[in-house]
Amino acid sequence: MDLWLGLPNIQAFKGKVLVGKTVLTSIELNSYRLPSTAKIDGPENLIGKRVILLRAYSYGGLINQLKANHNGTHISYASSHKAGLLMIKYGRADYLLDYKRPVEGALASLEENDRPTLATDTLNSYAVHFVVSKKAANAAKLLQDLENSYHSLRLSPAN
């Protein structure tokens, strides 16, 4: 994959990608819990807790802090956003770490009797940018063309 929308500061991509300057949107990282579970004031409050994560997300770098062996955090992995919600509902962990929009979609797709009643604590909001692999042919030009096209579309009058 040579092009995607993503977060600009992912350690695994450091030195391997070019990141656009334009903020395209933002994504909200939340902690979801049953109302009877203690509120989370920040990511540091997840340390030592039972937390559900989804594979393939770095959670803005938070995953490294949570996975550190010495902190006592018990991590379970959900195969999907919907599975994570059901895991919380049935007490498999105390907190689900996930992004707002996918959770909203997953909740809407669940049958009413499967939908958990959740409390939500916002942990962070991340800016989303165009990200281009340096392996892409003419990566810098591709990124500049994308940003120019994006700005042209935003400025063009609606038809």
C-alpha atoms as a PDB file:
ATOM      1  CA  MET A   1       0.000   0.000   0.000  1.00  0.00           C
ATOM      2  CA  ASP A   2       1.505   3.301  -1.075  1.00  0.00           C
ATOM      3  CA  LEU A   3      -1.152   5.765   0.066  1.00  0.00           C
ATOM      4  CA  TRP A   4      -3.570   5.979   2.963  1.00  0.00           C
ATOM      5  CA  LEU A   5      -5.195   8.345   5.419  1.00  0.00           C
ATOM      6  CA  GLY A   6      -3.558   8.078   8.798  1.00  0.00           C
ATOM      7  CA  LEU A   7      -1.905   9.520  11.847  1.00  0.00           C
ATOM      8  CA  PRO A   8       1.352  11.380  11.282  1.00  0.00           C
ATOM      9  CA  ASN A   9       3.412  10.084  14.222  1.00  0.00           C
ATOM     10  CA  ILE A  10       3.280   6.283  13.998  1.00  0.00           C
ATOM     11  CA  GLN A  11       6.688   5.009  15.163  1.00  0.00           C
ATOM     12  CA  ALA A  12       6.633   1.986  12.824  1.00  0.00           C
ATOM     13  CA  PHE A  13       6.499   4.329   9.807  1.00  0.00           C
ATOM     14  CA  LYS A  14       9.111   6.820  10.988  1.00  0.00           C
ATOM     15  CA  GLY A  15      11.470   7.602   8.101  1.00  0.00           C
ATOM     16  CA  LYS A  16       9.443   5.422   5.704  1.00  0.00           C
ATOM     17  CA  VAL A  17       6.597   7.781   4.791  1.00  0.00           C
ATOM     18  CA  LEU A  18       5.807  11.326   3.799  1.00  0.00           C
ATOM     19  CA  VAL A  19       2.947  12.990   5.669  1.00  0.00           C
ATOM     20  CA  GLY A  20       0.797  15.759   4.212  1.00  0.00           C
ATOM     21  CA  LYS A  21       0.433  19.071   5.981  1.00  0.00           C
ATOM     22  CA  THR A  22      -3.345  19.259   5.624  1.00  0.00           C
ATOM     23  CA  VAL A  23      -5.516  17.960   8.448  1.00  0.00           C
ATOM     24  CA  LEU A  24      -8.260  16.047   6.627  1.00  0.00           C
ATOM     25  CA  THR A  25     -10.324  15.083   9.645  1.00  0.00           C
ATOM     26  CA  SER A  26      -9.805  13.880  13.176  1.00  0.00           C
ATOM     27  CA  ILE A  27     -10.556  10.628  14.923  1.00  0.00           C
ATOM     28  CA  GLU A  28     -11.572  10.282  18.531  1.00  0.00           C
ATOM     29  CA  LEU A  29     -10.107   7.525  20.683  1.00  0.00           C
ATOM     30  CA  ASN A  30     -12.416   6.486  23.504  1.00  0.00           C
ATOM     31  CA  SER A  31     -12.528   4.074  26.361  1.00  0.00           C
ATOM     32  CA  TYR A  32     -15.875   2.268  26.537  1.00  0.00           C
ATOM     33  CA  ARG A  33     -17.096   0.686  29.764  1.00  0.00           C
ATOM     34  CA  LEU A  34     -20.205  -0.423  31.565  1.00  0.00           C
ATOM     35  CA  PRO A  35     -21.699   2.419  33.634  1.00  0.00           C
ATOM     36  CA  SER A  36     -20.797   0.532  36.848  1.00  0.00           C
ATOM     37  CA  THR A  37     -17.079   0.542  35.940  1.00  0.00           C
ATOM     38  CA  ALA A  38     -14.869   3.413  37.125  1.00  0.00           C
ATOM     39  CA  LYS A  39     -14.423   6.424  34.841  1.00  0.00           C
ATOM     40  CA  ILE A  40     -11.107   6.814  33.032  1.00  0.00           C
ATOM     41  CA  ASP A  41      -9.562  10.294  33.186  1.00  0.00           C
ATOM     42  CA  GLY A  42      -6.718   9.492  30.789  1.00  0.00           C
ATOM     43  CA  PRO A  43      -4.815   6.663  29.116  1.00  0.00           C
ATOM     44  CA  GLU A  44      -2.585   6.222  32.170  1.00  0.00           C
ATOM     45  CA  ASN A  45      -5.654   5.054  34.119  1.00  0.00           C
ATOM     46  CA  LEU A  46      -5.869   1.941  31.914  1.00  0.00           C
ATOM     47  CA  ILE A  47      -2.574   0.633  33.294  1.00  0.00           C
ATOM     48  CA  GLY A  48      -3.182  -2.459  35.426  1.00  0.00           C
ATOM     49  CA  LYS A  49      -6.754  -2.883  34.170  1.00  0.00           C
ATOM     50  CA  ARG A  50      -8.438  -5.491  31.928  1.00  0.00           C
ATOM     51  CA  VAL A  51      -8.523  -3.878  28.487  1.00  0.00           C
ATOM     52  CA  ILE A  52      -9.870  -5.026  25.120  1.00  0.00           C
ATOM     53  CA  LEU A  53      -7.948  -3.930  22.033  1.00  0.00           C
ATOM     54  CA  LEU A  54      -8.435  -4.551  18.331  1.00  0.00           C
ATOM     55  CA  ARG A  55      -5.511  -5.948  16.370  1.00  0.00           C
ATOM     56  CA  ALA A  56      -3.747  -3.742  13.812  1.00  0.00           C
ATOM     57  CA  TYR A  57      -4.290  -0.487  15.693  1.00  0.00           C
ATOM     58  CA  SER A  58      -1.455   1.391  17.388  1.00  0.00           C
ATOM     59  CA  TYR A  59      -3.890   3.626  19.282  1.00  0.00           C
ATOM     60  CA  GLY A  60      -1.675   6.620  18.605  1.00  0.00           C
ATOM     61  CA  GLY A  61       1.269   4.861  20.282  1.00  0.00           C
ATOM     62  CA  LEU A  62      -0.663   4.012  23.444  1.00  0.00           C
ATOM     63  CA  ILE A  63      -0.484   0.292  22.661  1.00  0.00           C
ATOM     64  CA  ASN A  64       3.207   0.156  23.615  1.00  0.00           C
ATOM     65  CA  GLN A  65       2.451   1.592  27.048  1.00  0.00           C
ATOM     66  CA  LEU A  66      -0.401  -0.873  27.579  1.00  0.00           C
ATOM     67  CA  LYS A  67       1.577  -3.897  26.405  1.00  0.00           C
ATOM     68  CA  ALA A  68       4.573  -3.244  28.662  1.00  0.00           C
ATOM     69  CA  ASN A  69       4.995  -6.446  30.706  1.00  0.00           C
ATOM     70  CA  HIS A  70       5.685  -4.745  34.013  1.00  0.00           C
ATOM     71  CA  ASN A  71       2.467  -2.721  34.283  1.00  0.00           C
ATOM     72  CA  GLY A  72      -0.040  -5.475  35.120  1.00  0.00           C
ATOM     73  CA  THR A  73      -2.458  -4.636  32.304  1.00  0.00           C
ATOM     74  CA  HIS A  74      -4.378  -7.686  31.057  1.00  0.00           C
ATOM     75  CA  ILE A  75      -5.060  -7.338  27.337  1.00  0.00           C
ATOM     76  CA  SER A  76      -7.677  -9.281  25.399  1.00  0.00           C
ATOM     77  CA  TYR A  77      -8.058  -8.909  21.653  1.00  0.00           C
ATOM     78  CA  ALA A  78     -11.344  -8.567  19.807  1.00  0.00           C
ATOM     79  CA  SER A  79     -11.656  -9.678  16.197  1.00  0.00           C
ATOM     80  CA  SER A  80     -13.961  -6.754  15.339  1.00  0.00           C
ATOM     81  CA  HIS A  81     -15.550  -3.649  16.816  1.00  0.00           C
ATOM     82  CA  LYS A  82     -18.786  -5.578  17.290  1.00  0.00           C
ATOM     83  CA  ALA A  83     -16.969  -8.398  19.090  1.00  0.00           C
ATOM     84  CA  GLY A  84     -15.303  -5.861  21.389  1.00  0.00           C
ATOM     85  CA  LEU A  85     -18.672  -4.414  22.341  1.00  0.00           C
ATOM     86  CA  LEU A  86     -20.049  -7.857  23.146  1.00  0.00           C
ATOM     87  CA  MET A  87     -16.944  -8.672  25.188  1.00  0.00           C
ATOM     88  CA  ILE A  88     -17.558  -5.571  27.328  1.00  0.00           C
ATOM     89  CA  LYS A  89     -21.237  -6.403  27.676  1.00  0.00           C
ATOM     90  CA  TYR A  90     -20.454  -9.881  28.983  1.00  0.00           C
ATOM     91  CA  GLY A  91     -17.695  -8.816  31.386  1.00  0.00           C
ATOM     92  CA  ARG A  92     -14.645 -10.158  29.526  1.00  0.00           C
ATOM     93  CA  ALA A  93     -12.782  -6.952  30.420  1.00  0.00           C
ATOM     94  CA  ASP A  94     -13.356  -3.611  32.095  1.00  0.00           C
ATOM     95  CA  TYR A  95     -12.585  -1.309  29.165  1.00  0.00           C
ATOM     96  CA  LEU A  96     -12.709  -1.387  25.380  1.00  0.00           C
ATOM     97  CA  LEU A  97     -10.248   0.945  23.699  1.00  0.00           C
ATOM     98  CA  ASP A  98     -11.665   1.919  20.300  1.00  0.00           C
ATOM     99  CA  TYR A  99     -12.423   4.755  17.914  1.00  0.00           C
ATOM    100  CA  LYS A 100     -15.735   6.604  18.049  1.00  0.00           C
ATOM    101  CA  ARG A 101     -16.974   6.198  14.463  1.00  0.00           C
ATOM    102  CA  PRO A 102     -16.416   2.445  14.121  1.00  0.00           C
ATOM    103  CA  VAL A 103     -18.046   1.866  17.506  1.00  0.00           C
ATOM    104  CA  GLU A 104     -21.076   3.924  16.491  1.00  0.00           C
ATOM    105  CA  GLY A 105     -21.421   1.781  13.354  1.00  0.00           C
ATOM    106  CA  ALA A 106     -20.974  -1.458  15.277  1.00  0.00           C
ATOM    107  CA  LEU A 107     -23.552  -0.452  17.884  1.00  0.00           C
ATOM    108  CA  ALA A 108     -26.054   0.393  15.164  1.00  0.00           C
ATOM    109  CA  SER A 109     -25.524  -3.013  13.534  1.00  0.00           C
ATOM    110  CA  LEU A 110     -26.176  -4.977  16.732  1.00  0.00           C
ATOM    111  CA  GLU A 111     -29.625  -6.275  17.522  1.00  0.00           C
ATOM    112  CA  GLU A 112     -31.259  -4.172  20.227  1.00  0.00           C
ATOM    113  CA  ASN A 113     -31.018  -6.930  22.862  1.00  0.00           C
ATOM    114  CA  ASP A 114     -27.267  -7.344  22.113  1.00  0.00           C
ATOM    115  CA  ARG A 115     -26.477  -3.618  22.409  1.00  0.00           C
ATOM    116  CA  PRO A 116     -24.656  -2.859  25.648  1.00  0.00           C
ATOM    117  CA  THR A 117     -25.386   0.265  27.650  1.00  0.00           C
ATOM    118  CA  LEU A 118     -22.022   2.003  27.740  1.00  0.00           C
ATOM    119  CA  ALA A 119     -20.290   4.929  29.340  1.00  0.00           C
ATOM    120  CA  THR A 120     -17.649   6.636  27.211  1.00  0.00           C
ATOM    121  CA  ASP A 121     -14.474   8.421  28.224  1.00  0.00           C
ATOM    122  CA  THR A 122     -12.616  10.354  25.519  1.00  0.00           C
ATOM    123  CA  LEU A 123      -8.899   9.670  25.731  1.00  0.00           C
ATOM    124  CA  ASN A 124      -7.540  11.554  22.747  1.00  0.00           C
ATOM    125  CA  SER A 125      -8.294  13.099  19.384  1.00  0.00           C
ATOM    126  CA  TYR A 126      -5.874  12.569  16.502  1.00  0.00           C
ATOM    127  CA  ALA A 127      -5.438  14.577  13.303  1.00  0.00           C
ATOM    128  CA  VAL A 128      -5.651  12.525  10.097  1.00  0.00           C
ATOM    129  CA  HIS A 129      -3.412  13.335   7.120  1.00  0.00           C
ATOM    130  CA  PHE A 130      -2.525  11.908   3.722  1.00  0.00           C
ATOM    131  CA  VAL A 131       0.345   9.446   4.207  1.00  0.00           C
ATOM    132  CA  VAL A 132       2.468   8.259   1.255  1.00  0.00           C
ATOM    133  CA  SER A 133       5.096   5.539   1.370  1.00  0.00           C
ATOM    134  CA  LYS A 134       8.533   6.726   0.294  1.00  0.00           C
ATOM    135  CA  LYS A 135       8.650   3.538  -1.813  1.00  0.00           C
ATOM    136  CA  ALA A 136       5.935   4.953  -4.093  1.00  0.00           C
ATOM    137  CA  ALA A 137       7.129   6.274  -7.430  1.00  0.00           C
ATOM    138  CA  ASN A 138       7.456  10.072  -7.180  1.00  0.00           C
ATOM    139  CA  ALA A 139       6.183   9.989  -3.571  1.00  0.00           C
ATOM    140  CA  ALA A 140       6.721  13.704  -2.918  1.00  0.00           C
ATOM    141  CA  LYS A 141       4.928  14.702  -6.140  1.00  0.00           C
ATOM    142  CA  LEU A 142       2.084  12.278  -5.416  1.00  0.00           C
ATOM    143  CA  LEU A 143       1.594  13.789  -1.972  1.00  0.00           C
ATOM    144  CA  GLN A 144       1.713  17.357  -3.311  1.00  0.00           C
ATOM    145  CA  ASP A 145      -0.768  16.487  -6.098  1.00  0.00           C
ATOM    146  CA  LEU A 146      -3.123  14.913  -3.559  1.00  0.00           C
ATOM    147  CA  GLU A 147      -3.031  17.918  -1.299  1.00  0.00           C
ATOM    148  CA  ASN A 148      -3.495  20.345  -4.229  1.00  0.00           C
ATOM    149  CA  SER A 149      -6.456  18.320  -5.528  1.00  0.00           C
ATOM    150  CA  TYR A 150      -7.991  18.144  -2.077  1.00  0.00           C
ATOM    151  CA  HIS A 151      -7.769  21.924  -1.651  1.00  0.00           C
ATOM    152  CA  SER A 152      -9.167  22.512  -5.156  1.00  0.00           C
ATOM    153  CA  LEU A 153     -12.159  20.296  -4.404  1.00  0.00           C
ATOM    154  CA  ARG A 154     -12.781  22.013  -1.076  1.00  0.00           C
ATOM    155  CA  LEU A 155     -12.699  25.430  -2.702  1.00  0.00           C
ATOM    156  CA  SER A 156     -14.834  24.561  -5.742  1.00  0.00           C
ATOM    157  CA  PRO A 157     -18.479  25.677  -5.600  1.00  0.00           C
ATOM    158  CA  ALA A 158     -21.029  22.909  -5.067  1.00  0.00           C
ATOM    159  CA  ASN A 159     -22.988  22.037  -8.178  1.00  0.00           C
END
